[in-house]
Amino acid sequence: MLRRFAVVVTPLAHLQARPNHQSELKSQRAAGEVLRVLDRRGTWFLVAGADRYPGWVRSWSVRTLSPHAARAWSRSATFCAWGRTVNVRRTPGGSVIAALPLGARLRPLGRHGRGRARGQVRVELASGERGFVDRRELGPAWPPAIRRAPAGVRAAALAQSLAGTTYLWGGTSSWGVDCSGLVQLAYAATGLVLPRDAQDQIQVARRLARSEAVRTGDLLFFGRGGGVSHVAIVTEPPGFVHAYGRVESASFRGGGVERPELAEICLGAYRVPNQEIWLGAAQP
């Protein structure tokens, strides 16, 4: 009997277009994320996350769960990795048992406050392994200046913190992202679940009227012939951050890396609704 849910147990699960490693990388899901299982072919599962975006993952990337177990993990995995790479160590200061990307989910087991263990939190991975993480590398942990700021401000700040991260087609992690993956990752850190692809992200955002001022966190979409081929997050207008060969701060002219060629294909500024966009595909 096919179990309906699974949790990612590797640092990243790669979602392929077809059940083979030669097919296109469509997306990625981080350790600890609960997925809905849609089908199985041999050692491959067809899965979808909270963004409803389907893809095939190898069975070694996930552990299947009953609805009850999936719900229990989702409720108890309240911490996430808060850094480009967060190491989980077997003992405080000991050997690394897992290196996790930003956003990977962890279950807290308790804090240690003496000697070498000072500031270390004992955690459990979705694989069942247990180890220690520096409390400063667990989140969400926004800087005080933006802790109560709108989601867009926090999303823009997080995207900027990933400056220099390599562009990866199909990437959605702090180890490699494409343009829409950066937008999804940045907003996910604020609790907002956006669609995976730019052409779907534009559908859930509201286009700004010419009389409305563009503000931090708004999205700029780009394309030709009615299609959408690129997306960026507004930082301090008129600047923006995007994945364009690498994650960079840019502008059309006059700030950061200048990208005047994008001005010619800009479709306008759009605002993400100031509420949770919950697509709910993977919720038990």
Protein backbone atom coordinates (compact mmCIF):
# COMPACT_ATOMS: atom_id res chain seq x y z
CA MET A 1 0.00 0.00 0.00
CA LEU A 2 1.40 3.41 -1.01
CA ARG A 3 1.83 5.70 1.97
CA ARG A 4 0.50 9.19 1.28
CA PHE A 5 3.26 11.19 2.97
CA ALA A 6 7.03 11.29 3.20
CA VAL A 7 9.65 13.46 4.89
CA VAL A 8 12.96 14.48 3.32
CA VAL A 9 15.88 12.77 5.11
CA THR A 10 18.80 13.91 2.92
CA PRO A 11 20.05 17.53 3.08
CA LEU A 12 18.21 18.15 -0.20
CA ALA A 13 15.79 16.06 -2.23
CA HIS A 14 16.14 16.70 -5.96
CA LEU A 15 12.82 16.71 -7.83
CA GLN A 16 13.39 15.45 -11.36
CA ALA A 17 11.03 15.82 -14.33
CA ARG A 18 11.00 12.04 -14.83
CA PRO A 19 12.05 9.06 -12.70
CA ASN A 20 15.70 9.07 -13.81
CA HIS A 21 18.80 11.08 -13.00
CA GLN A 22 19.24 12.25 -16.60
CA SER A 23 15.99 14.23 -16.62
CA GLU A 24 15.62 17.93 -15.86
CA LEU A 25 16.01 19.14 -12.28
CA LYS A 26 12.69 20.86 -11.56
CA SER A 27 12.96 21.78 -7.89
CA GLN A 28 14.43 20.85 -4.53
CA ARG A 29 13.05 20.29 -1.07
CA ALA A 30 15.09 20.63 2.13
CA ALA A 31 15.61 18.12 4.92
CA GLY A 32 12.65 17.77 7.25
CA GLU A 33 10.02 18.97 4.78
CA VAL A 34 6.87 16.86 4.59
CA LEU A 35 5.77 15.89 1.09
CA ARG A 36 2.70 14.28 -0.35
CA VAL A 37 3.41 11.01 -2.18
CA LEU A 38 1.48 10.81 -5.46
CA ASP A 39 2.95 7.72 -7.14
CA ARG A 40 5.83 5.27 -7.11
CA ARG A 41 7.91 3.63 -9.83
CA GLY A 42 10.57 1.26 -8.55
CA THR A 43 13.01 3.31 -6.46
CA TRP A 44 11.39 6.64 -7.37
CA PHE A 45 8.53 8.52 -5.71
CA LEU A 46 6.42 11.21 -7.36
CA VAL A 47 5.98 13.84 -4.65
CA ALA A 48 4.76 17.40 -4.14
CA GLY A 49 5.47 19.87 -1.38
CA ALA A 50 3.37 22.68 0.05
CA ASP A 51 3.74 24.52 -3.27
CA ARG A 52 1.97 21.64 -5.09
CA TYR A 53 4.91 21.37 -7.50
CA PRO A 54 5.41 17.70 -8.47
CA GLY A 55 8.64 15.91 -9.20
CA TRP A 56 10.32 12.52 -8.92
CA VAL A 57 12.75 11.82 -6.05
CA ARG A 58 14.85 8.76 -5.29
CA SER A 59 13.55 6.68 -2.43
CA TRP A 60 16.80 7.24 -0.52
CA SER A 61 15.89 10.93 -0.20
CA VAL A 62 12.73 10.38 1.82
CA ARG A 63 11.15 8.30 4.54
CA THR A 64 7.49 7.44 4.04
CA LEU A 65 5.08 8.29 6.85
CA SER A 66 1.53 7.65 7.90
CA PRO A 67 -0.70 10.74 8.09
CA HIS A 68 -0.43 10.61 11.90
CA ALA A 69 3.39 10.45 11.84
CA ALA A 70 3.57 13.21 9.23
CA ARG A 71 1.36 15.45 11.35
CA ALA A 72 3.42 14.71 14.47
CA TRP A 73 6.69 15.57 12.72
CA SER A 74 5.27 18.78 11.22
CA ARG A 75 4.11 19.96 14.64
CA SER A 76 7.32 19.09 16.50
CA ALA A 77 9.98 20.15 13.94
CA THR A 78 9.77 23.77 15.04
CA PHE A 79 13.36 24.82 14.35
CA CYS A 80 14.97 25.42 10.99
CA ALA A 81 18.56 25.74 9.85
CA TRP A 82 19.34 29.46 9.75
CA GLY A 83 22.44 29.94 7.63
CA ARG A 84 23.76 29.01 4.21
CA THR A 85 25.13 25.81 5.70
CA VAL A 86 24.36 24.61 9.22
CA ASN A 87 26.32 21.71 10.66
CA VAL A 88 24.76 19.16 12.97
CA ARG A 89 27.45 17.57 15.16
CA ARG A 90 27.42 14.24 16.96
CA THR A 91 28.61 15.93 20.16
CA PRO A 92 29.14 19.63 20.94
CA GLY A 93 32.20 20.58 18.91
CA GLY A 94 32.48 17.03 17.57
CA SER A 95 32.30 15.47 14.12
CA VAL A 96 29.67 16.64 11.63
CA ILE A 97 26.88 14.14 10.95
CA ALA A 98 24.87 16.39 8.60
CA ALA A 99 25.35 19.67 6.74
CA LEU A 100 22.00 21.34 6.10
CA PRO A 101 20.87 24.19 3.83
CA LEU A 102 18.85 27.19 4.97
CA GLY A 103 15.33 26.22 5.99
CA ALA A 104 15.90 22.54 6.77
CA ARG A 105 13.55 21.47 9.56
CA LEU A 106 14.73 20.06 12.89
CA ARG A 107 13.04 18.79 16.04
CA PRO A 108 14.44 20.38 19.24
CA LEU A 109 15.23 18.00 22.10
CA GLY A 110 16.66 20.41 24.65
CA ARG A 111 19.32 23.04 25.31
CA HIS A 112 22.67 22.43 26.97
CA GLY A 113 24.30 25.22 28.93
CA ARG A 114 27.53 24.01 30.54
CA GLY A 115 31.11 23.78 29.36
CA ARG A 116 31.56 22.83 25.69
CA ALA A 117 27.81 22.39 25.35
CA ARG A 118 27.03 26.00 26.25
CA GLY A 119 24.67 27.45 23.65
CA GLN A 120 24.20 24.09 21.94
CA VAL A 121 20.76 22.68 21.20
CA ARG A 122 20.19 18.95 20.92
CA VAL A 123 18.10 18.20 17.85
CA GLU A 124 16.66 15.31 15.93
CA LEU A 125 16.83 15.04 12.15
CA ALA A 126 14.01 13.64 10.05
CA SER A 127 16.21 10.57 9.52
CA GLY A 128 16.09 9.87 13.26
CA GLU A 129 19.71 10.85 13.88
CA ARG A 130 20.41 13.11 16.83
CA GLY A 131 23.06 15.72 17.31
CA PHE A 132 23.88 19.26 18.38
CA VAL A 133 23.53 22.64 16.66
CA ASP A 134 24.73 26.06 17.78
CA ARG A 135 21.65 27.95 18.97
CA ARG A 136 22.71 30.94 16.84
CA GLU A 137 22.30 28.79 13.72
CA LEU A 138 18.67 27.94 14.41
CA GLY A 139 15.77 30.07 13.33
CA PRO A 140 13.78 31.85 12.32
CA ALA A 141 16.13 34.44 13.85
CA TRP A 142 15.60 37.82 12.21
CA PRO A 143 17.79 40.80 13.15
CA PRO A 144 16.01 43.03 15.70
CA ALA A 145 15.71 45.88 13.18
CA ILE A 146 13.43 43.84 10.90
CA ARG A 147 11.94 41.29 13.29
CA ARG A 148 8.53 42.97 13.14
CA ALA A 149 8.86 44.29 9.60
CA PRO A 150 6.47 43.25 6.81
CA ALA A 151 7.16 39.91 5.16
CA GLY A 152 8.47 41.60 2.03
CA VAL A 153 11.17 43.49 3.92
CA ARG A 154 12.35 40.30 5.61
CA ALA A 155 12.24 38.35 2.33
CA ALA A 156 14.36 40.98 0.58
CA ALA A 157 16.89 40.97 3.42
CA LEU A 158 17.19 37.21 3.36
CA ALA A 159 17.63 37.16 -0.42
CA GLN A 160 20.39 39.78 -0.12
CA SER A 161 22.12 37.67 2.53
CA LEU A 162 22.54 34.97 -0.12
CA ALA A 163 24.59 37.25 -2.40
CA GLY A 164 27.12 35.27 -4.39
CA THR A 165 25.18 32.00 -4.29
CA THR A 166 25.53 30.27 -7.65
CA TYR A 167 22.70 30.11 -10.14
CA LEU A 168 21.33 26.60 -10.51
CA TRP A 169 18.45 25.76 -12.84
CA GLY A 170 15.85 24.04 -10.68
CA GLY A 171 17.63 25.11 -7.48
CA THR A 172 15.66 26.34 -4.47
CA SER A 173 18.30 26.27 -1.73
CA SER A 174 21.06 28.35 -0.17
CA TRP A 175 23.51 26.13 -2.09
CA GLY A 176 22.17 27.08 -5.53
CA VAL A 177 19.02 28.81 -6.80
CA ASP A 178 17.29 29.92 -9.94
CA CYS A 179 15.39 33.21 -10.05
CA SER A 180 12.00 31.91 -8.93
CA GLY A 181 13.67 29.56 -6.45
CA LEU A 182 15.26 32.57 -4.74
CA VAL A 183 11.88 34.30 -4.47
CA GLN A 184 10.25 31.15 -3.10
CA LEU A 185 13.05 30.50 -0.61
CA ALA A 186 13.12 34.09 0.65
CA TYR A 187 9.37 34.29 1.19
CA ALA A 188 9.21 30.77 2.68
CA ALA A 189 11.50 31.99 5.47
CA THR A 190 8.78 34.50 6.40
CA GLY A 191 6.07 31.82 6.44
CA LEU A 192 4.62 32.54 2.99
CA VAL A 193 4.39 29.67 0.54
CA LEU A 194 4.65 30.91 -3.05
CA PRO A 195 4.36 28.84 -6.22
CA ARG A 196 7.56 27.37 -7.61
CA ASP A 197 7.78 28.98 -11.06
CA ALA A 198 7.78 32.65 -12.04
CA GLN A 199 4.81 32.23 -14.40
CA ASP A 200 2.79 30.93 -11.45
CA GLN A 201 4.14 33.46 -8.95
CA ILE A 202 2.86 36.31 -11.11
CA GLN A 203 -0.62 34.79 -10.90
CA VAL A 204 -0.82 35.09 -7.10
CA ALA A 205 0.64 38.62 -6.95
CA ARG A 206 -1.19 41.88 -7.64
CA ARG A 207 0.12 44.20 -10.32
CA LEU A 208 0.74 47.69 -8.98
CA ALA A 209 -0.98 50.64 -10.58
CA ARG A 210 1.23 53.43 -11.90
CA SER A 211 0.04 55.62 -9.03
CA GLU A 212 1.30 53.12 -6.42
CA ALA A 213 4.83 53.39 -5.06
CA VAL A 214 7.04 50.35 -5.38
CA ARG A 215 8.31 49.16 -2.02
CA THR A 216 10.77 46.67 -0.58
CA GLY A 217 9.62 43.09 -1.11
CA ASP A 218 7.61 43.74 -4.27
CA LEU A 219 8.38 41.50 -7.23
CA LEU A 220 9.57 42.54 -10.67
CA PHE A 221 8.67 40.19 -13.50
CA PHE A 222 10.36 40.06 -16.89
CA GLY A 223 9.58 38.45 -20.23
CA ARG A 224 8.70 38.80 -23.89
CA GLY A 225 5.71 37.80 -25.99
CA GLY A 226 3.36 37.43 -23.06
CA GLY A 227 5.58 34.95 -21.21
CA VAL A 228 7.43 35.29 -17.92
CA SER A 229 11.11 34.37 -17.97
CA HIS A 230 12.60 36.06 -14.90
CA VAL A 231 11.69 37.48 -11.49
CA ALA A 232 13.45 39.67 -8.92
CA ILE A 233 12.73 41.05 -5.44
CA VAL A 234 12.77 44.83 -4.92
CA THR A 235 15.22 45.90 -2.22
CA GLU A 236 15.58 49.65 -1.76
CA PRO A 237 13.80 51.04 -4.85
CA PRO A 238 14.96 51.16 -7.57
CA GLY A 239 17.33 48.35 -6.57
CA PHE A 240 16.51 44.66 -6.65
CA VAL A 241 18.06 41.29 -5.84
CA HIS A 242 17.84 38.33 -8.18
CA ALA A 243 19.52 35.10 -9.30
CA TYR A 244 21.19 35.97 -12.59
CA GLY A 245 24.29 33.83 -12.95
CA ARG A 246 24.58 34.27 -9.20
CA VAL A 247 22.53 36.01 -6.53
CA GLU A 248 23.33 39.72 -6.84
CA SER A 249 22.04 43.16 -5.89
CA ALA A 250 21.33 45.08 -9.07
CA SER A 251 19.44 47.92 -10.71
CA PHE A 252 18.59 49.02 -14.22
CA ARG A 253 20.99 51.92 -13.74
CA GLY A 254 22.75 53.66 -10.88
CA GLY A 255 23.16 51.07 -8.12
CA GLY A 256 24.74 47.69 -7.59
CA VAL A 257 25.34 45.68 -10.74
CA GLU A 258 23.70 47.54 -13.63
CA ARG A 259 21.35 45.42 -15.74
CA PRO A 260 19.88 47.88 -18.30
CA GLU A 261 18.94 45.01 -20.62
CA LEU A 262 16.28 43.92 -18.14
CA ALA A 263 14.51 47.29 -18.23
CA GLU A 264 13.46 46.55 -21.82
CA ILE A 265 11.57 43.40 -20.84
CA CYS A 266 10.20 44.41 -17.42
CA LEU A 267 6.51 43.48 -17.16
CA GLY A 268 5.93 45.64 -14.11
CA ALA A 269 5.99 45.54 -10.32
CA TYR A 270 3.73 43.19 -8.38
CA ARG A 271 2.90 42.85 -4.70
CA VAL A 272 2.61 39.60 -2.79
CA PRO A 273 -0.56 39.68 -0.67
CA ASN A 274 0.26 40.48 2.96
CA GLN A 275 -1.11 37.20 4.21
CA GLU A 276 -0.14 33.58 4.09
CA ILE A 277 -0.52 32.00 0.66
CA TRP A 278 -1.09 28.43 1.75
CA LEU A 279 -1.45 25.92 -1.06
CA GLY A 280 -1.61 23.01 1.33
CA ALA A 281 -0.55 20.09 -0.87
CA ALA A 282 1.61 18.37 1.72
CA GLN A 283 -0.33 18.96 4.91
CA PRO A 284 -1.44 15.78 6.65
